[in-house]
Amino acid sequence: DHLAVDLARKRLFIAELENNSLGI
């Protein structure tokens, strides 16, 4: 599903819906 970003650290967050996890 959806994504967001921490610009200061240049990290992207990924909502891995069916995996029940958040990828960074």
mmCIF file of all heavy atoms, coordinates in Angstrom:
data_MODEL
# 
_entry.id   MODEL 
# 
loop_
_atom_site.group_PDB 
_atom_site.id 
_atom_site.type_symbol 
_atom_site.label_atom_id 
_atom_site.label_alt_id 
_atom_site.label_comp_id 
_atom_site.label_asym_id 
_atom_site.label_entity_id 
_atom_site.label_seq_id 
_atom_site.pdbx_PDB_ins_code 
_atom_site.Cartn_x 
_atom_site.Cartn_y 
_atom_site.Cartn_z 
_atom_site.occupancy 
_atom_site.B_iso_or_equiv 
_atom_site.pdbx_formal_charge 
_atom_site.auth_seq_id 
_atom_site.auth_comp_id 
_atom_site.auth_asym_id 
_atom_site.auth_atom_id 
_atom_site.pdbx_PDB_model_num 
ATOM 1   N N   . ASP A 1 1  ? 0.832  -1.198  0.000  1.00 0.00 ? 1  ASP A N   1 
ATOM 2   C CA  . ASP A 1 1  ? 0.000  0.000   0.000  1.00 0.00 ? 1  ASP A CA  1 
ATOM 3   C C   . ASP A 1 1  ? 0.870  1.254   0.000  1.00 0.00 ? 1  ASP A C   1 
ATOM 4   O O   . ASP A 1 1  ? 1.893  1.300   -0.663 1.00 0.00 ? 1  ASP A O   1 
ATOM 5   C CB  . ASP A 1 1  ? -1.000 -0.028  1.152  1.00 0.00 ? 1  ASP A CB  1 
ATOM 6   C CG  . ASP A 1 1  ? -2.398 0.465   0.729  1.00 0.00 ? 1  ASP A CG  1 
ATOM 7   O OD1 . ASP A 1 1  ? -2.481 1.286   -0.198 1.00 0.00 ? 1  ASP A OD1 1 
ATOM 8   O OD2 . ASP A 1 1  ? -3.388 0.026   1.331  1.00 0.00 ? 1  ASP A OD2 1 
ATOM 9   N N   . HIS A 1 2  ? 0.527  2.272   0.782  1.00 0.00 ? 2  HIS A N   1 
ATOM 10  C CA  . HIS A 1 2  ? 1.084  3.613   0.573  1.00 0.00 ? 2  HIS A CA  1 
ATOM 11  C C   . HIS A 1 2  ? 2.481  3.802   1.163  1.00 0.00 ? 2  HIS A C   1 
ATOM 12  O O   . HIS A 1 2  ? 2.985  2.970   1.912  1.00 0.00 ? 2  HIS A O   1 
ATOM 13  C CB  . HIS A 1 2  ? 0.109  4.639   1.102  1.00 0.00 ? 2  HIS A CB  1 
ATOM 14  C CG  . HIS A 1 2  ? -1.203 4.589   0.371  1.00 0.00 ? 2  HIS A CG  1 
ATOM 15  N ND1 . HIS A 1 2  ? -1.322 4.930   -0.957 1.00 0.00 ? 2  HIS A ND1 1 
ATOM 16  C CD2 . HIS A 1 2  ? -2.448 4.200   0.771  1.00 0.00 ? 2  HIS A CD2 1 
ATOM 17  C CE1 . HIS A 1 2  ? -2.568 4.774   -1.347 1.00 0.00 ? 2  HIS A CE1 1 
ATOM 18  N NE2 . HIS A 1 2  ? -3.275 4.336   -0.320 1.00 0.00 ? 2  HIS A NE2 1 
ATOM 19  N N   . LEU A 1 3  ? 3.100  4.948   0.812  1.00 0.00 ? 3  LEU A N   1 
ATOM 20  C CA  . LEU A 1 3  ? 4.489  5.252   1.154  1.00 0.00 ? 3  LEU A CA  1 
ATOM 21  C C   . LEU A 1 3  ? 4.583  6.631   1.794  1.00 0.00 ? 3  LEU A C   1 
ATOM 22  O O   . LEU A 1 3  ? 3.716  7.482   1.600  1.00 0.00 ? 3  LEU A O   1 
ATOM 23  C CB  . LEU A 1 3  ? 5.375  5.223   -0.099 1.00 0.00 ? 3  LEU A CB  1 
ATOM 24  C CG  . LEU A 1 3  ? 5.532  3.916   -0.875 1.00 0.00 ? 3  LEU A CG  1 
ATOM 25  C CD1 . LEU A 1 3  ? 4.330  3.663   -1.774 1.00 0.00 ? 3  LEU A CD1 1 
ATOM 26  C CD2 . LEU A 1 3  ? 6.785  3.967   -1.739 1.00 0.00 ? 3  LEU A CD2 1 
ATOM 27  N N   . ALA A 1 4  ? 5.679  6.842   2.541  1.00 0.00 ? 4  ALA A N   1 
ATOM 28  C CA  . ALA A 1 4  ? 5.988  8.147   3.120  1.00 0.00 ? 4  ALA A CA  1 
ATOM 29  C C   . ALA A 1 4  ? 7.499  8.270   3.214  1.00 0.00 ? 4  ALA A C   1 
ATOM 30  O O   . ALA A 1 4  ? 8.233  7.291   3.021  1.00 0.00 ? 4  ALA A O   1 
ATOM 31  C CB  . ALA A 1 4  ? 5.336  8.310   4.497  1.00 0.00 ? 4  ALA A CB  1 
ATOM 32  N N   . VAL A 1 5  ? 7.990  9.486   3.547  1.00 0.00 ? 5  VAL A N   1 
ATOM 33  C CA  . VAL A 1 5  ? 9.434  9.702   3.542  1.00 0.00 ? 5  VAL A CA  1 
ATOM 34  C C   . VAL A 1 5  ? 9.875  10.533  4.739  1.00 0.00 ? 5  VAL A C   1 
ATOM 35  O O   . VAL A 1 5  ? 9.171  11.448  5.178  1.00 0.00 ? 5  VAL A O   1 
ATOM 36  C CB  . VAL A 1 5  ? 9.877  10.372  2.221  1.00 0.00 ? 5  VAL A CB  1 
ATOM 37  C CG1 . VAL A 1 5  ? 9.331  11.783  2.112  1.00 0.00 ? 5  VAL A CG1 1 
ATOM 38  C CG2 . VAL A 1 5  ? 11.383 10.351  2.047  1.00 0.00 ? 5  VAL A CG2 1 
ATOM 39  N N   . ASP A 1 6  ? 11.055 10.185  5.268  1.00 0.00 ? 6  ASP A N   1 
ATOM 40  C CA  . ASP A 1 6  ? 11.793 10.998  6.230  1.00 0.00 ? 6  ASP A CA  1 
ATOM 41  C C   . ASP A 1 6  ? 12.889 11.675  5.414  1.00 0.00 ? 6  ASP A C   1 
ATOM 42  O O   . ASP A 1 6  ? 13.906 11.055  5.082  1.00 0.00 ? 6  ASP A O   1 
ATOM 43  C CB  . ASP A 1 6  ? 12.374 10.085  7.321  1.00 0.00 ? 6  ASP A CB  1 
ATOM 44  C CG  . ASP A 1 6  ? 13.360 10.792  8.252  1.00 0.00 ? 6  ASP A CG  1 
ATOM 45  O OD1 . ASP A 1 6  ? 13.680 11.975  8.023  1.00 0.00 ? 6  ASP A OD1 1 
ATOM 46  O OD2 . ASP A 1 6  ? 13.828 10.136  9.215  1.00 0.00 ? 6  ASP A OD2 1 
ATOM 47  N N   . LEU A 1 7  ? 12.680 12.954  5.075  1.00 0.00 ? 7  LEU A N   1 
ATOM 48  C CA  . LEU A 1 7  ? 13.603 13.644  4.174  1.00 0.00 ? 7  LEU A CA  1 
ATOM 49  C C   . LEU A 1 7  ? 14.975 13.856  4.790  1.00 0.00 ? 7  LEU A C   1 
ATOM 50  O O   . LEU A 1 7  ? 15.992 13.776  4.094  1.00 0.00 ? 7  LEU A O   1 
ATOM 51  C CB  . LEU A 1 7  ? 13.009 14.991  3.759  1.00 0.00 ? 7  LEU A CB  1 
ATOM 52  C CG  . LEU A 1 7  ? 11.912 14.950  2.697  1.00 0.00 ? 7  LEU A CG  1 
ATOM 53  C CD1 . LEU A 1 7  ? 11.313 16.332  2.512  1.00 0.00 ? 7  LEU A CD1 1 
ATOM 54  C CD2 . LEU A 1 7  ? 12.462 14.413  1.376  1.00 0.00 ? 7  LEU A CD2 1 
ATOM 55  N N   . ALA A 1 8  ? 15.021 14.151  6.083  1.00 0.00 ? 8  ALA A N   1 
ATOM 56  C CA  . ALA A 1 8  ? 16.306 14.433  6.721  1.00 0.00 ? 8  ALA A CA  1 
ATOM 57  C C   . ALA A 1 8  ? 17.252 13.243  6.626  1.00 0.00 ? 8  ALA A C   1 
ATOM 58  O O   . ALA A 1 8  ? 18.450 13.401  6.380  1.00 0.00 ? 8  ALA A O   1 
ATOM 59  C CB  . ALA A 1 8  ? 16.092 14.832  8.184  1.00 0.00 ? 8  ALA A CB  1 
ATOM 60  N N   . ARG A 1 9  ? 16.717 12.052  6.831  1.00 0.00 ? 9  ARG A N   1 
ATOM 61  C CA  . ARG A 1 9  ? 17.548 10.839  6.790  1.00 0.00 ? 9  ARG A CA  1 
ATOM 62  C C   . ARG A 1 9  ? 17.478 10.137  5.437  1.00 0.00 ? 9  ARG A C   1 
ATOM 63  O O   . ARG A 1 9  ? 18.167 9.143   5.222  1.00 0.00 ? 9  ARG A O   1 
ATOM 64  C CB  . ARG A 1 9  ? 17.117 9.863   7.885  1.00 0.00 ? 9  ARG A CB  1 
ATOM 65  C CG  . ARG A 1 9  ? 17.255 10.391  9.302  1.00 0.00 ? 9  ARG A CG  1 
ATOM 66  C CD  . ARG A 1 9  ? 16.947 9.273   10.291 1.00 0.00 ? 9  ARG A CD  1 
ATOM 67  N NE  . ARG A 1 9  ? 17.068 9.712   11.667 1.00 0.00 ? 9  ARG A NE  1 
ATOM 68  C CZ  . ARG A 1 9  ? 16.055 10.168  12.411 1.00 0.00 ? 9  ARG A CZ  1 
ATOM 69  N NH1 . ARG A 1 9  ? 14.833 10.255  11.885 1.00 0.00 ? 9  ARG A NH1 1 
ATOM 70  N NH2 . ARG A 1 9  ? 16.242 10.545  13.651 1.00 0.00 ? 9  ARG A NH2 1 
ATOM 71  N N   . LYS A 1 10 ? 16.626 10.623  4.548  1.00 0.00 ? 10 LYS A N   1 
ATOM 72  C CA  . LYS A 1 10 ? 16.403 9.997   3.242  1.00 0.00 ? 10 LYS A CA  1 
ATOM 73  C C   . LYS A 1 10 ? 16.015 8.528   3.399  1.00 0.00 ? 10 LYS A C   1 
ATOM 74  O O   . LYS A 1 10 ? 16.615 7.635   2.803  1.00 0.00 ? 10 LYS A O   1 
ATOM 75  C CB  . LYS A 1 10 ? 17.629 10.161  2.349  1.00 0.00 ? 10 LYS A CB  1 
ATOM 76  C CG  . LYS A 1 10 ? 17.900 11.611  1.975  1.00 0.00 ? 10 LYS A CG  1 
ATOM 77  C CD  . LYS A 1 10 ? 19.029 11.745  0.983  1.00 0.00 ? 10 LYS A CD  1 
ATOM 78  C CE  . LYS A 1 10 ? 19.283 13.217  0.640  1.00 0.00 ? 10 LYS A CE  1 
ATOM 79  N NZ  . LYS A 1 10 ? 20.405 13.376  -0.295 1.00 0.00 ? 10 LYS A NZ  1 
ATOM 80  N N   . ARG A 1 11 ? 14.973 8.346   4.191  1.00 0.00 ? 11 ARG A N   1 
ATOM 81  C CA  . ARG A 1 11 ? 14.427 7.006   4.404  1.00 0.00 ? 11 ARG A CA  1 
ATOM 82  C C   . ARG A 1 11 ? 12.995 6.961   3.893  1.00 0.00 ? 11 ARG A C   1 
ATOM 83  O O   . ARG A 1 11 ? 12.200 7.866   4.173  1.00 0.00 ? 11 ARG A O   1 
ATOM 84  C CB  . ARG A 1 11 ? 14.452 6.638   5.880  1.00 0.00 ? 11 ARG A CB  1 
ATOM 85  C CG  . ARG A 1 11 ? 15.853 6.445   6.440  1.00 0.00 ? 11 ARG A CG  1 
ATOM 86  C CD  . ARG A 1 11 ? 15.800 6.218   7.939  1.00 0.00 ? 11 ARG A CD  1 
ATOM 87  N NE  . ARG A 1 11 ? 17.130 6.008   8.499  1.00 0.00 ? 11 ARG A NE  1 
ATOM 88  C CZ  . ARG A 1 11 ? 17.383 5.910   9.806  1.00 0.00 ? 11 ARG A CZ  1 
ATOM 89  N NH1 . ARG A 1 11 ? 16.375 6.011   10.681 1.00 0.00 ? 11 ARG A NH1 1 
ATOM 90  N NH2 . ARG A 1 11 ? 18.607 5.711   10.238 1.00 0.00 ? 11 ARG A NH2 1 
ATOM 91  N N   . LEU A 1 12 ? 12.681 5.911   3.168  1.00 0.00 ? 12 LEU A N   1 
ATOM 92  C CA  . LEU A 1 12 ? 11.338 5.734   2.628  1.00 0.00 ? 12 LEU A CA  1 
ATOM 93  C C   . LEU A 1 12 ? 10.632 4.617   3.389  1.00 0.00 ? 12 LEU A C   1 
ATOM 94  O O   . LEU A 1 12 ? 11.216 3.553   3.629  1.00 0.00 ? 12 LEU A O   1 
ATOM 95  C CB  . LEU A 1 12 ? 11.413 5.383   1.146  1.00 0.00 ? 12 LEU A CB  1 
ATOM 96  C CG  . LEU A 1 12 ? 10.093 5.450   0.393  1.00 0.00 ? 12 LEU A CG  1 
ATOM 97  C CD1 . LEU A 1 12 ? 9.719  6.902   0.117  1.00 0.00 ? 12 LEU A CD1 1 
ATOM 98  C CD2 . LEU A 1 12 ? 10.177 4.682   -0.921 1.00 0.00 ? 12 LEU A CD2 1 
ATOM 99  N N   . PHE A 1 13 ? 9.371  4.854   3.751  1.00 0.00 ? 13 PHE A N   1 
ATOM 100 C CA  . PHE A 1 13 ? 8.571  3.882   4.494  1.00 0.00 ? 13 PHE A CA  1 
ATOM 101 C C   . PHE A 1 13 ? 7.511  3.299   3.563  1.00 0.00 ? 13 PHE A C   1 
ATOM 102 O O   . PHE A 1 13 ? 6.811  4.044   2.869  1.00 0.00 ? 13 PHE A O   1 
ATOM 103 C CB  . PHE A 1 13 ? 7.911  4.547   5.698  1.00 0.00 ? 13 PHE A CB  1 
ATOM 104 C CG  . PHE A 1 13 ? 8.863  5.337   6.553  1.00 0.00 ? 13 PHE A CG  1 
ATOM 105 C CD1 . PHE A 1 13 ? 8.764  6.715   6.641  1.00 0.00 ? 13 PHE A CD1 1 
ATOM 106 C CD2 . PHE A 1 13 ? 9.892  4.703   7.233  1.00 0.00 ? 13 PHE A CD2 1 
ATOM 107 C CE1 . PHE A 1 13 ? 9.641  7.449   7.417  1.00 0.00 ? 13 PHE A CE1 1 
ATOM 108 C CE2 . PHE A 1 13 ? 10.786 5.428   8.009  1.00 0.00 ? 13 PHE A CE2 1 
ATOM 109 C CZ  . PHE A 1 13 ? 10.672 6.807   8.099  1.00 0.00 ? 13 PHE A CZ  1 
ATOM 110 N N   . ILE A 1 14 ? 7.376  1.982   3.574  1.00 0.00 ? 14 ILE A N   1 
ATOM 111 C CA  . ILE A 1 14 ? 6.477  1.288   2.650  1.00 0.00 ? 14 ILE A CA  1 
ATOM 112 C C   . ILE A 1 14 ? 5.532  0.404   3.454  1.00 0.00 ? 14 ILE A C   1 
ATOM 113 O O   . ILE A 1 14 ? 5.963  -0.513  4.171  1.00 0.00 ? 14 ILE A O   1 
ATOM 114 C CB  . ILE A 1 14 ? 7.266  0.413   1.658  1.00 0.00 ? 14 ILE A CB  1 
ATOM 115 C CG1 . ILE A 1 14 ? 8.353  1.240   0.957  1.00 0.00 ? 14 ILE A CG1 1 
ATOM 116 C CG2 . ILE A 1 14 ? 6.336  -0.232  0.650  1.00 0.00 ? 14 ILE A CG2 1 
ATOM 117 C CD1 . ILE A 1 14 ? 9.338  0.405   0.172  1.00 0.00 ? 14 ILE A CD1 1 
ATOM 118 N N   . ALA A 1 15 ? 4.218  0.668   3.335  1.00 0.00 ? 15 ALA A N   1 
ATOM 119 C CA  . ALA A 1 15 ? 3.210  -0.135  4.034  1.00 0.00 ? 15 ALA A CA  1 
ATOM 120 C C   . ALA A 1 15 ? 3.000  -1.447  3.271  1.00 0.00 ? 15 ALA A C   1 
ATOM 121 O O   . ALA A 1 15 ? 2.359  -1.459  2.217  1.00 0.00 ? 15 ALA A O   1 
ATOM 122 C CB  . ALA A 1 15 ? 1.910  0.641   4.151  1.00 0.00 ? 15 ALA A CB  1 
ATOM 123 N N   . GLU A 1 16 ? 3.534  -2.519  3.812  1.00 0.00 ? 16 GLU A N   1 
ATOM 124 C CA  . GLU A 1 16 ? 3.459  -3.827  3.158  1.00 0.00 ? 16 GLU A CA  1 
ATOM 125 C C   . GLU A 1 16 ? 2.229  -4.561  3.698  1.00 0.00 ? 16 GLU A C   1 
ATOM 126 O O   . GLU A 1 16 ? 2.321  -5.405  4.589  1.00 0.00 ? 16 GLU A O   1 
ATOM 127 C CB  . GLU A 1 16 ? 4.761  -4.595  3.416  1.00 0.00 ? 16 GLU A CB  1 
ATOM 128 C CG  . GLU A 1 16 ? 5.956  -3.860  2.818  1.00 0.00 ? 16 GLU A CG  1 
ATOM 129 C CD  . GLU A 1 16 ? 7.304  -4.318  3.333  1.00 0.00 ? 16 GLU A CD  1 
ATOM 130 O OE1 . GLU A 1 16 ? 7.363  -4.994  4.390  1.00 0.00 ? 16 GLU A OE1 1 
ATOM 131 O OE2 . GLU A 1 16 ? 8.327  -3.998  2.690  1.00 0.00 ? 16 GLU A OE2 1 
ATOM 132 N N   . LEU A 1 17 ? 1.090  -4.226  3.131  1.00 0.00 ? 17 LEU A N   1 
ATOM 133 C CA  . LEU A 1 17 ? -0.214 -4.574  3.697  1.00 0.00 ? 17 LEU A CA  1 
ATOM 134 C C   . LEU A 1 17 ? -0.374 -6.070  3.964  1.00 0.00 ? 17 LEU A C   1 
ATOM 135 O O   . LEU A 1 17 ? -0.635 -6.492  5.091  1.00 0.00 ? 17 LEU A O   1 
ATOM 136 C CB  . LEU A 1 17 ? -1.326 -4.066  2.768  1.00 0.00 ? 17 LEU A CB  1 
ATOM 137 C CG  . LEU A 1 17 ? -2.761 -4.195  3.282  1.00 0.00 ? 17 LEU A CG  1 
ATOM 138 C CD1 . LEU A 1 17 ? -3.610 -3.044  2.739  1.00 0.00 ? 17 LEU A CD1 1 
ATOM 139 C CD2 . LEU A 1 17 ? -3.405 -5.504  2.881  1.00 0.00 ? 17 LEU A CD2 1 
ATOM 140 N N   . GLU A 1 18 ? -0.252 -6.888  2.945  1.00 0.00 ? 18 GLU A N   1 
ATOM 141 C CA  . GLU A 1 18 ? -0.498 -8.320  3.107  1.00 0.00 ? 18 GLU A CA  1 
ATOM 142 C C   . GLU A 1 18 ? 0.653  -9.035  3.808  1.00 0.00 ? 18 GLU A C   1 
ATOM 143 O O   . GLU A 1 18 ? 0.503  -10.183 4.238  1.00 0.00 ? 18 GLU A O   1 
ATOM 144 C CB  . GLU A 1 18 ? -0.798 -8.964  1.756  1.00 0.00 ? 18 GLU A CB  1 
ATOM 145 C CG  . GLU A 1 18 ? -2.137 -8.541  1.182  1.00 0.00 ? 18 GLU A CG  1 
ATOM 146 C CD  . GLU A 1 18 ? -2.516 -9.338  -0.048 1.00 0.00 ? 18 GLU A CD  1 
ATOM 147 O OE1 . GLU A 1 18 ? -2.486 -10.580 0.003  1.00 0.00 ? 18 GLU A OE1 1 
ATOM 148 O OE2 . GLU A 1 18 ? -2.861 -8.719  -1.072 1.00 0.00 ? 18 GLU A OE2 1 
ATOM 149 N N   . ASN A 1 19 ? 1.765  -8.345  3.941  1.00 0.00 ? 19 ASN A N   1 
ATOM 150 C CA  . ASN A 1 19 ? 2.895  -8.912  4.675  1.00 0.00 ? 19 ASN A CA  1 
ATOM 151 C C   . ASN A 1 19 ? 2.871  -8.509  6.145  1.00 0.00 ? 19 ASN A C   1 
ATOM 152 O O   . ASN A 1 19 ? 3.723  -8.927  6.932  1.00 0.00 ? 19 ASN A O   1 
ATOM 153 C CB  . ASN A 1 19 ? 4.206  -8.443  4.035  1.00 0.00 ? 19 ASN A CB  1 
ATOM 154 C CG  . ASN A 1 19 ? 5.361  -9.381  4.257  1.00 0.00 ? 19 ASN A CG  1 
ATOM 155 O OD1 . ASN A 1 19 ? 5.280  -10.556 3.913  1.00 0.00 ? 19 ASN A OD1 1 
ATOM 156 N ND2 . ASN A 1 19 ? 6.435  -8.885  4.838  1.00 0.00 ? 19 ASN A ND2 1 
ATOM 157 N N   . ASN A 1 20 ? 1.909  -7.642  6.526  1.00 0.00 ? 20 ASN A N   1 
ATOM 158 C CA  . ASN A 1 20 ? 1.776  -7.151  7.899  1.00 0.00 ? 20 ASN A CA  1 
ATOM 159 C C   . ASN A 1 20 ? 3.072  -6.534  8.423  1.00 0.00 ? 20 ASN A C   1 
ATOM 160 O O   . ASN A 1 20 ? 3.483  -6.768  9.565  1.00 0.00 ? 20 ASN A O   1 
ATOM 161 C CB  . ASN A 1 20 ? 1.314  -8.286  8.834  1.00 0.00 ? 20 ASN A CB  1 
ATOM 162 C CG  . ASN A 1 20 ? -0.087 -8.751  8.496  1.00 0.00 ? 20 ASN A CG  1 
ATOM 163 O OD1 . ASN A 1 20 ? -0.989 -7.945  8.288  1.00 0.00 ? 20 ASN A OD1 1 
ATOM 164 N ND2 . ASN A 1 20 ? -0.270 -10.062 8.430  1.00 0.00 ? 20 ASN A ND2 1 
ATOM 165 N N   . SER A 1 21 ? 3.682  -5.706  7.566  1.00 0.00 ? 21 SER A N   1 
ATOM 166 C CA  . SER A 1 21 ? 4.976  -5.136  7.930  1.00 0.00 ? 21 SER A CA  1 
ATOM 167 C C   . SER A 1 21 ? 5.156  -3.766  7.295  1.00 0.00 ? 21 SER A C   1 
ATOM 168 O O   . SER A 1 21 ? 4.406  -3.363  6.403  1.00 0.00 ? 21 SER A O   1 
ATOM 169 C CB  . SER A 1 21 ? 6.117  -6.068  7.490  1.00 0.00 ? 21 SER A CB  1 
ATOM 170 O OG  . SER A 1 21 ? 6.073  -6.302  6.095  1.00 0.00 ? 21 SER A OG  1 
ATOM 171 N N   . LEU A 1 22 ? 6.174  -3.056  7.783  1.00 0.00 ? 22 LEU A N   1 
ATOM 172 C CA  . LEU A 1 22 ? 6.571  -1.767  7.223  1.00 0.00 ? 22 LEU A CA  1 
ATOM 173 C C   . LEU A 1 22 ? 8.020  -1.874  6.781  1.00 0.00 ? 22 LEU A C   1 
ATOM 174 O O   . LEU A 1 22 ? 8.922  -2.082  7.604  1.00 0.00 ? 22 LEU A O   1 
ATOM 175 C CB  . LEU A 1 22 ? 6.422  -0.651  8.265  1.00 0.00 ? 22 LEU A CB  1 
ATOM 176 C CG  . LEU A 1 22 ? 6.729  0.758   7.756  1.00 0.00 ? 22 LEU A CG  1 
ATOM 177 C CD1 . LEU A 1 22 ? 5.551  1.294   6.938  1.00 0.00 ? 22 LEU A CD1 1 
ATOM 178 C CD2 . LEU A 1 22 ? 7.031  1.717   8.923  1.00 0.00 ? 22 LEU A CD2 1 
ATOM 179 N N   . GLY A 1 23 ? 8.253  -1.740  5.482  1.00 0.00 ? 23 GLY A N   1 
ATOM 180 C CA  . GLY A 1 23 ? 9.612  -1.737  4.971  1.00 0.00 ? 23 GLY A CA  1 
ATOM 181 C C   . GLY A 1 23 ? 10.218 -0.353  5.047  1.00 0.00 ? 23 GLY A C   1 
ATOM 182 O O   . GLY A 1 23 ? 9.532  0.643   4.800  1.00 0.00 ? 23 GLY A O   1 
ATOM 183 N N   . ILE A 1 24 ? 11.498 -0.276  5.387  1.00 0.00 ? 24 ILE A N   1 
ATOM 184 C CA  . ILE A 1 24 ? 12.196 1.008   5.498  1.00 0.00 ? 24 ILE A CA  1 
ATOM 185 C C   . ILE A 1 24 ? 13.435 0.949   4.611  1.00 0.00 ? 24 ILE A C   1 
ATOM 186 O O   . ILE A 1 24 ? 14.339 0.127   4.820  1.00 0.00 ? 24 ILE A O   1 
ATOM 187 C CB  . ILE A 1 24 ? 12.580 1.308   6.962  1.00 0.00 ? 24 ILE A CB  1 
ATOM 188 C CG1 . ILE A 1 24 ? 11.319 1.320   7.829  1.00 0.00 ? 24 ILE A CG1 1 
ATOM 189 C CG2 . ILE A 1 24 ? 13.321 2.639   7.055  1.00 0.00 ? 24 ILE A CG2 1 
ATOM 190 C CD1 . ILE A 1 24 ? 11.582 1.286   9.308  1.00 0.00 ? 24 ILE A CD1 1 
# 
